[in-house]
């Protein structure tokens, strides 16, 4: 399978993007060692939207790595999304919004051209996981995927892709110890092994 990895760890202010570069390396090394073909884009670099569309069309699976800033994706990543998805209109990513003028009330979001492809998202947070799970804490017991990432998942569904369960790293700013990052590294490799072994068994 072809894997397209997007490192959305933007370099900005006090953020040097080091953690998401490391996560990107974890992914790239894992996939290459297991015989996958891999391409990587870093949103800090200049890019050609049409070339990026070709990466999406080439890939069987897109892997997004992104920090969450102010409860959204970084601004350069949003710019990348806007430019690339716009360039993908009637160019292999989506044909339309799915509706017809005869009955515009139905079928919104069914104009994607990337059916059969999958995507996976990792996110990194200053917020601890308990901010999402404990009663009375900030996120009201709403998970990352059902809350902050809801629109992101709908974006990928709009172009026809299916979600692979993602992986979220919490408390990695205030509590970014070497031990904590190493533990996340091992947990992430197990996550990849579990999810991609299941995908491979379905494809056989």
C-alpha atoms as a PDB file:
ATOM      1  CA  UNK A   1       0.000   0.000   0.000  1.00  0.00           C
ATOM      2  CA  UNK A   2       0.976   3.615  -0.560  1.00  0.00           C
ATOM      3  CA  UNK A   3       1.139   5.848   2.507  1.00  0.00           C
ATOM      4  CA  UNK A   4       1.108   9.644   2.309  1.00  0.00           C
ATOM      5  CA  UNK A   5       2.177  11.299   5.580  1.00  0.00           C
ATOM      6  CA  UNK A   6       1.495  14.972   6.274  1.00  0.00           C
ATOM      7  CA  UNK A   7       3.503  16.620   9.034  1.00  0.00           C
ATOM      8  CA  UNK A   8       1.382  19.574  10.164  1.00  0.00           C
ATOM      9  CA  UNK A   9       3.627  20.473  13.092  1.00  0.00           C
ATOM     10  CA  UNK A  10       3.978  24.149  12.251  1.00  0.00           C
ATOM     11  CA  UNK A  11       7.002  26.096  13.451  1.00  0.00           C
ATOM     12  CA  UNK A  12       5.607  29.199  15.169  1.00  0.00           C
ATOM     13  CA  UNK A  13       6.315  31.292  18.251  1.00  0.00           C
ATOM     14  CA  UNK A  14       7.573  28.979  21.018  1.00  0.00           C
ATOM     15  CA  UNK A  15       6.614  25.865  19.032  1.00  0.00           C
ATOM     16  CA  UNK A  16       9.486  24.371  17.069  1.00  0.00           C
ATOM     17  CA  UNK A  17       7.473  21.467  15.684  1.00  0.00           C
ATOM     18  CA  UNK A  18       9.931  18.923  17.101  1.00  0.00           C
ATOM     19  CA  UNK A  19       7.353  16.506  18.511  1.00  0.00           C
ATOM     20  CA  UNK A  20       5.386  16.180  15.278  1.00  0.00           C
ATOM     21  CA  UNK A  21       8.624  15.764  13.325  1.00  0.00           C
ATOM     22  CA  UNK A  22       9.401  12.873  15.650  1.00  0.00           C
ATOM     23  CA  UNK A  23       5.928  11.374  15.219  1.00  0.00           C
ATOM     24  CA  UNK A  24       6.294  11.708  11.452  1.00  0.00           C
ATOM     25  CA  UNK A  25       9.603   9.823  11.704  1.00  0.00           C
ATOM     26  CA  UNK A  26       7.953   7.130  13.849  1.00  0.00           C
ATOM     27  CA  UNK A  27       5.351   6.629  11.132  1.00  0.00           C
ATOM     28  CA  UNK A  28       7.729   6.807   8.189  1.00  0.00           C
ATOM     29  CA  UNK A  29      10.160   4.338   9.747  1.00  0.00           C
ATOM     30  CA  UNK A  30       7.387   1.913  10.690  1.00  0.00           C
ATOM     31  CA  UNK A  31       5.828   1.890   7.230  1.00  0.00           C
ATOM     32  CA  UNK A  32       9.118   1.664   5.357  1.00  0.00           C
ATOM     33  CA  UNK A  33      10.316  -1.183   7.560  1.00  0.00           C
ATOM     34  CA  UNK A  34       7.077  -3.035   6.837  1.00  0.00           C
ATOM     35  CA  UNK A  35       7.285  -2.722   3.077  1.00  0.00           C
ATOM     36  CA  UNK A  36       4.962   0.201   2.401  1.00  0.00           C
ATOM     37  CA  UNK A  37       5.747   2.925  -0.129  1.00  0.00           C
ATOM     38  CA  UNK A  38       5.894   6.272   1.658  1.00  0.00           C
ATOM     39  CA  UNK A  39       5.726   9.930   0.686  1.00  0.00           C
ATOM     40  CA  UNK A  40       5.994  12.767   3.239  1.00  0.00           C
ATOM     41  CA  UNK A  41       4.948  16.426   3.089  1.00  0.00           C
ATOM     42  CA  UNK A  42       5.917  19.027   5.700  1.00  0.00           C
ATOM     43  CA  UNK A  43       3.534  21.986   5.776  1.00  0.00           C
ATOM     44  CA  UNK A  44       6.416  24.283   6.756  1.00  0.00           C
ATOM     45  CA  UNK A  45       7.876  23.832   3.256  1.00  0.00           C
ATOM     46  CA  UNK A  46       6.718  25.507   0.073  1.00  0.00           C
ATOM     47  CA  UNK A  47       4.328  23.320  -1.891  1.00  0.00           C
ATOM     48  CA  UNK A  48       2.551  23.081  -5.218  1.00  0.00           C
ATOM     49  CA  UNK A  49      -1.159  22.336  -4.603  1.00  0.00           C
ATOM     50  CA  UNK A  50      -1.442  20.261  -7.795  1.00  0.00           C
ATOM     51  CA  UNK A  51       1.529  18.114  -6.777  1.00  0.00           C
ATOM     52  CA  UNK A  52      -0.038  17.593  -3.362  1.00  0.00           C
ATOM     53  CA  UNK A  53      -3.287  16.506  -5.024  1.00  0.00           C
ATOM     54  CA  UNK A  54      -1.276  13.870  -6.880  1.00  0.00           C
ATOM     55  CA  UNK A  55       0.024  12.614  -3.529  1.00  0.00           C
ATOM     56  CA  UNK A  56      -3.545  12.226  -2.285  1.00  0.00           C
ATOM     57  CA  UNK A  57      -4.528  10.412  -5.482  1.00  0.00           C
ATOM     58  CA  UNK A  58      -1.439   8.149  -5.269  1.00  0.00           C
ATOM     59  CA  UNK A  59      -2.009   7.174  -1.665  1.00  0.00           C
ATOM     60  CA  UNK A  60      -4.121   4.350  -0.329  1.00  0.00           C
ATOM     61  CA  UNK A  61      -3.888   5.849   3.168  1.00  0.00           C
ATOM     62  CA  UNK A  62      -3.233   9.414   4.306  1.00  0.00           C
ATOM     63  CA  UNK A  63      -1.702   9.896   7.757  1.00  0.00           C
ATOM     64  CA  UNK A  64      -2.053  13.346   9.323  1.00  0.00           C
ATOM     65  CA  UNK A  65       0.163  14.456  12.210  1.00  0.00           C
ATOM     66  CA  UNK A  66      -0.887  17.728  13.819  1.00  0.00           C
ATOM     67  CA  UNK A  67      -0.746  19.700  17.025  1.00  0.00           C
ATOM     68  CA  UNK A  68      -3.944  21.364  18.181  1.00  0.00           C
ATOM     69  CA  UNK A  69      -3.641  25.124  18.643  1.00  0.00           C
ATOM     70  CA  UNK A  70      -6.472  27.046  20.227  1.00  0.00           C
ATOM     71  CA  UNK A  71      -8.765  24.050  19.594  1.00  0.00           C
ATOM     72  CA  UNK A  72      -8.078  24.082  15.842  1.00  0.00           C
ATOM     73  CA  UNK A  73      -5.426  22.926  13.385  1.00  0.00           C
ATOM     74  CA  UNK A  74      -2.408  25.237  12.845  1.00  0.00           C
ATOM     75  CA  UNK A  75      -2.946  28.098  10.421  1.00  0.00           C
ATOM     76  CA  UNK A  76      -0.421  26.843   7.855  1.00  0.00           C
ATOM     77  CA  UNK A  77      -2.137  23.485   7.829  1.00  0.00           C
ATOM     78  CA  UNK A  78      -5.518  25.145   7.264  1.00  0.00           C
ATOM     79  CA  UNK A  79      -3.936  27.081   4.377  1.00  0.00           C
ATOM     80  CA  UNK A  80      -2.559  23.808   2.994  1.00  0.00           C
ATOM     81  CA  UNK A  81      -5.993  22.166   3.234  1.00  0.00           C
ATOM     82  CA  UNK A  82      -7.732  25.082   1.520  1.00  0.00           C
ATOM     83  CA  UNK A  83      -5.224  25.207  -1.329  1.00  0.00           C
ATOM     84  CA  UNK A  84      -4.915  21.462  -1.923  1.00  0.00           C
ATOM     85  CA  UNK A  85      -8.569  20.504  -1.574  1.00  0.00           C
ATOM     86  CA  UNK A  86      -9.527  23.377  -3.868  1.00  0.00           C
ATOM     87  CA  UNK A  87      -7.018  22.079  -6.442  1.00  0.00           C
ATOM     88  CA  UNK A  88      -8.573  18.637  -6.042  1.00  0.00           C
ATOM     89  CA  UNK A  89     -11.999  19.816  -7.235  1.00  0.00           C
ATOM     90  CA  UNK A  90     -12.887  17.770 -10.333  1.00  0.00           C
ATOM     91  CA  UNK A  91      -9.294  16.558 -10.208  1.00  0.00           C
ATOM     92  CA  UNK A  92      -9.509  13.251  -8.394  1.00  0.00           C
ATOM     93  CA  UNK A  93     -10.501  14.350  -4.888  1.00  0.00           C
ATOM     94  CA  UNK A  94     -14.137  15.407  -5.258  1.00  0.00           C
ATOM     95  CA  UNK A  95     -16.423  16.212  -8.159  1.00  0.00           C
ATOM     96  CA  UNK A  96     -19.064  18.327  -6.436  1.00  0.00           C
ATOM     97  CA  UNK A  97     -20.894  18.616  -3.123  1.00  0.00           C
ATOM     98  CA  UNK A  98     -22.996  15.643  -4.216  1.00  0.00           C
ATOM     99  CA  UNK A  99     -26.324  17.405  -4.755  1.00  0.00           C
ATOM    100  CA  UNK A 100     -28.254  17.915  -7.965  1.00  0.00           C
ATOM    101  CA  UNK A 101     -30.117  21.073  -8.897  1.00  0.00           C
ATOM    102  CA  UNK A 102     -33.282  19.002  -9.312  1.00  0.00           C
ATOM    103  CA  UNK A 103     -33.304  18.085  -5.625  1.00  0.00           C
ATOM    104  CA  UNK A 104     -30.741  20.188  -3.741  1.00  0.00           C
ATOM    105  CA  UNK A 105     -32.060  19.197  -0.311  1.00  0.00           C
ATOM    106  CA  UNK A 106     -30.440  15.739  -0.321  1.00  0.00           C
ATOM    107  CA  UNK A 107     -27.116  13.989  -0.937  1.00  0.00           C
ATOM    108  CA  UNK A 108     -24.879  16.786   0.339  1.00  0.00           C
ATOM    109  CA  UNK A 109     -21.380  15.451   0.972  1.00  0.00           C
ATOM    110  CA  UNK A 110     -21.621  12.580  -1.500  1.00  0.00           C
ATOM    111  CA  UNK A 111     -19.546  14.001  -4.333  1.00  0.00           C
ATOM    112  CA  UNK A 112     -16.198  12.596  -3.195  1.00  0.00           C
ATOM    113  CA  UNK A 113     -13.888  10.745  -5.574  1.00  0.00           C
ATOM    114  CA  UNK A 114     -11.588   9.136  -2.987  1.00  0.00           C
ATOM    115  CA  UNK A 115     -13.729   6.165  -2.032  1.00  0.00           C
ATOM    116  CA  UNK A 116     -11.677   3.143  -1.022  1.00  0.00           C
ATOM    117  CA  UNK A 117      -8.995   5.339   0.535  1.00  0.00           C
ATOM    118  CA  UNK A 118      -8.526   5.710   4.280  1.00  0.00           C
ATOM    119  CA  UNK A 119      -6.994   8.282   6.583  1.00  0.00           C
ATOM    120  CA  UNK A 120      -5.684   8.412  10.134  1.00  0.00           C
ATOM    121  CA  UNK A 121      -5.047  11.444  12.341  1.00  0.00           C
ATOM    122  CA  UNK A 122      -2.749  11.900  15.292  1.00  0.00           C
ATOM    123  CA  UNK A 123      -3.007  14.985  17.458  1.00  0.00           C
ATOM    124  CA  UNK A 124      -0.796  16.407  20.177  1.00  0.00           C
ATOM    125  CA  UNK A 125      -2.115  18.463  23.087  1.00  0.00           C
ATOM    126  CA  UNK A 126      -1.087  20.485  26.082  1.00  0.00           C
ATOM    127  CA  UNK A 127      -4.423  19.370  27.602  1.00  0.00           C
ATOM    128  CA  UNK A 128      -4.275  16.162  29.676  1.00  0.00           C
ATOM    129  CA  UNK A 129      -6.509  13.256  28.696  1.00  0.00           C
ATOM    130  CA  UNK A 130      -8.505  13.804  31.897  1.00  0.00           C
ATOM    131  CA  UNK A 131      -9.727  17.146  30.484  1.00  0.00           C
ATOM    132  CA  UNK A 132     -11.814  15.014  28.106  1.00  0.00           C
ATOM    133  CA  UNK A 133     -12.862  12.200  30.399  1.00  0.00           C
ATOM    134  CA  UNK A 134     -13.590  13.552  33.888  1.00  0.00           C
ATOM    135  CA  UNK A 135     -16.933  15.051  34.821  1.00  0.00           C
ATOM    136  CA  UNK A 136     -16.704  18.811  35.321  1.00  0.00           C
ATOM    137  CA  UNK A 137     -13.490  19.161  33.321  1.00  0.00           C
ATOM    138  CA  UNK A 138     -13.021  21.477  30.340  1.00  0.00           C
ATOM    139  CA  UNK A 139     -14.235  19.357  27.393  1.00  0.00           C
ATOM    140  CA  UNK A 140     -17.441  18.156  29.082  1.00  0.00           C
ATOM    141  CA  UNK A 141     -16.552  14.474  28.547  1.00  0.00           C
ATOM    142  CA  UNK A 142     -16.628  14.924  24.754  1.00  0.00           C
ATOM    143  CA  UNK A 143     -13.823  13.014  23.043  1.00  0.00           C
ATOM    144  CA  UNK A 144     -11.245  14.525  20.697  1.00  0.00           C
ATOM    145  CA  UNK A 145     -12.839  12.824  17.689  1.00  0.00           C
ATOM    146  CA  UNK A 146     -16.430  13.731  18.532  1.00  0.00           C
ATOM    147  CA  UNK A 147     -15.536  17.291  19.518  1.00  0.00           C
ATOM    148  CA  UNK A 148     -12.556  19.274  18.236  1.00  0.00           C
ATOM    149  CA  UNK A 149     -11.903  16.937  15.269  1.00  0.00           C
ATOM    150  CA  UNK A 150     -15.525  16.551  14.185  1.00  0.00           C
ATOM    151  CA  UNK A 151     -15.175  19.022  11.307  1.00  0.00           C
ATOM    152  CA  UNK A 152     -11.826  17.547  10.290  1.00  0.00           C
ATOM    153  CA  UNK A 153     -13.360  14.096  10.025  1.00  0.00           C
ATOM    154  CA  UNK A 154     -16.267  15.464   7.994  1.00  0.00           C
ATOM    155  CA  UNK A 155     -13.779  17.118   5.629  1.00  0.00           C
ATOM    156  CA  UNK A 156     -12.204  13.762   4.879  1.00  0.00           C
ATOM    157  CA  UNK A 157     -15.591  12.063   4.594  1.00  0.00           C
ATOM    158  CA  UNK A 158     -16.654  14.766   2.104  1.00  0.00           C
ATOM    159  CA  UNK A 159     -13.975  13.606  -0.360  1.00  0.00           C
ATOM    160  CA  UNK A 160     -14.911   9.966   0.213  1.00  0.00           C
ATOM    161  CA  UNK A 161     -12.301   8.705   2.657  1.00  0.00           C
ATOM    162  CA  UNK A 162     -12.914   6.329   5.551  1.00  0.00           C
ATOM    163  CA  UNK A 163     -11.459   6.954   9.004  1.00  0.00           C
ATOM    164  CA  UNK A 164      -8.958   4.673  10.709  1.00  0.00           C
ATOM    165  CA  UNK A 165      -8.978   5.148  14.506  1.00  0.00           C
ATOM    166  CA  UNK A 166      -6.420   7.808  15.366  1.00  0.00           C
ATOM    167  CA  UNK A 167      -3.967   8.379  18.187  1.00  0.00           C
ATOM    168  CA  UNK A 168      -3.833  11.347  20.547  1.00  0.00           C
ATOM    169  CA  UNK A 169      -0.895  12.481  22.676  1.00  0.00           C
ATOM    170  CA  UNK A 170      -1.875  14.495  25.761  1.00  0.00           C
ATOM    171  CA  UNK A 171      -0.024  16.751  28.199  1.00  0.00           C
ATOM    172  CA  UNK A 172       3.029  16.946  25.950  1.00  0.00           C
ATOM    173  CA  UNK A 173       3.862  20.592  26.542  1.00  0.00           C
ATOM    174  CA  UNK A 174       3.768  21.170  30.280  1.00  0.00           C
ATOM    175  CA  UNK A 175       4.650  17.530  30.972  1.00  0.00           C
ATOM    176  CA  UNK A 176       6.784  16.586  27.952  1.00  0.00           C
ATOM    177  CA  UNK A 177       9.236  14.344  29.789  1.00  0.00           C
ATOM    178  CA  UNK A 178      11.499  11.936  27.925  1.00  0.00           C
ATOM    179  CA  UNK A 179       9.762   9.035  29.661  1.00  0.00           C
ATOM    180  CA  UNK A 180       6.316  10.273  28.635  1.00  0.00           C
ATOM    181  CA  UNK A 181       7.326  10.694  24.971  1.00  0.00           C
ATOM    182  CA  UNK A 182       9.035   7.291  24.921  1.00  0.00           C
ATOM    183  CA  UNK A 183       5.889   5.681  26.336  1.00  0.00           C
ATOM    184  CA  UNK A 184       3.789   7.358  23.668  1.00  0.00           C
ATOM    185  CA  UNK A 185       6.236   6.147  21.020  1.00  0.00           C
ATOM    186  CA  UNK A 186       5.770   2.526  22.077  1.00  0.00           C
ATOM    187  CA  UNK A 187       2.002   2.906  22.360  1.00  0.00           C
ATOM    188  CA  UNK A 188       1.843   4.466  18.900  1.00  0.00           C
ATOM    189  CA  UNK A 189       3.829   1.650  17.295  1.00  0.00           C
ATOM    190  CA  UNK A 190       1.421  -0.844  18.862  1.00  0.00           C
ATOM    191  CA  UNK A 191      -1.488   1.198  17.540  1.00  0.00           C
ATOM    192  CA  UNK A 192      -0.044   1.105  14.018  1.00  0.00           C
ATOM    193  CA  UNK A 193       0.595  -2.622  14.229  1.00  0.00           C
ATOM    194  CA  UNK A 194      -2.964  -3.324  15.398  1.00  0.00           C
ATOM    195  CA  UNK A 195      -4.723  -1.086  12.882  1.00  0.00           C
ATOM    196  CA  UNK A 196      -2.659  -1.934   9.825  1.00  0.00           C
ATOM    197  CA  UNK A 197      -2.591  -5.646  10.503  1.00  0.00           C
ATOM    198  CA  UNK A 198      -6.406  -5.482  10.501  1.00  0.00           C
ATOM    199  CA  UNK A 199      -6.417  -3.482   7.238  1.00  0.00           C
ATOM    200  CA  UNK A 200      -4.036  -5.916   5.557  1.00  0.00           C
ATOM    201  CA  UNK A 201      -6.144  -8.914   6.596  1.00  0.00           C
ATOM    202  CA  UNK A 202      -9.236  -7.327   5.011  1.00  0.00           C
ATOM    203  CA  UNK A 203      -7.339  -6.572   1.787  1.00  0.00           C
ATOM    204  CA  UNK A 204      -6.001 -10.124   1.383  1.00  0.00           C
END
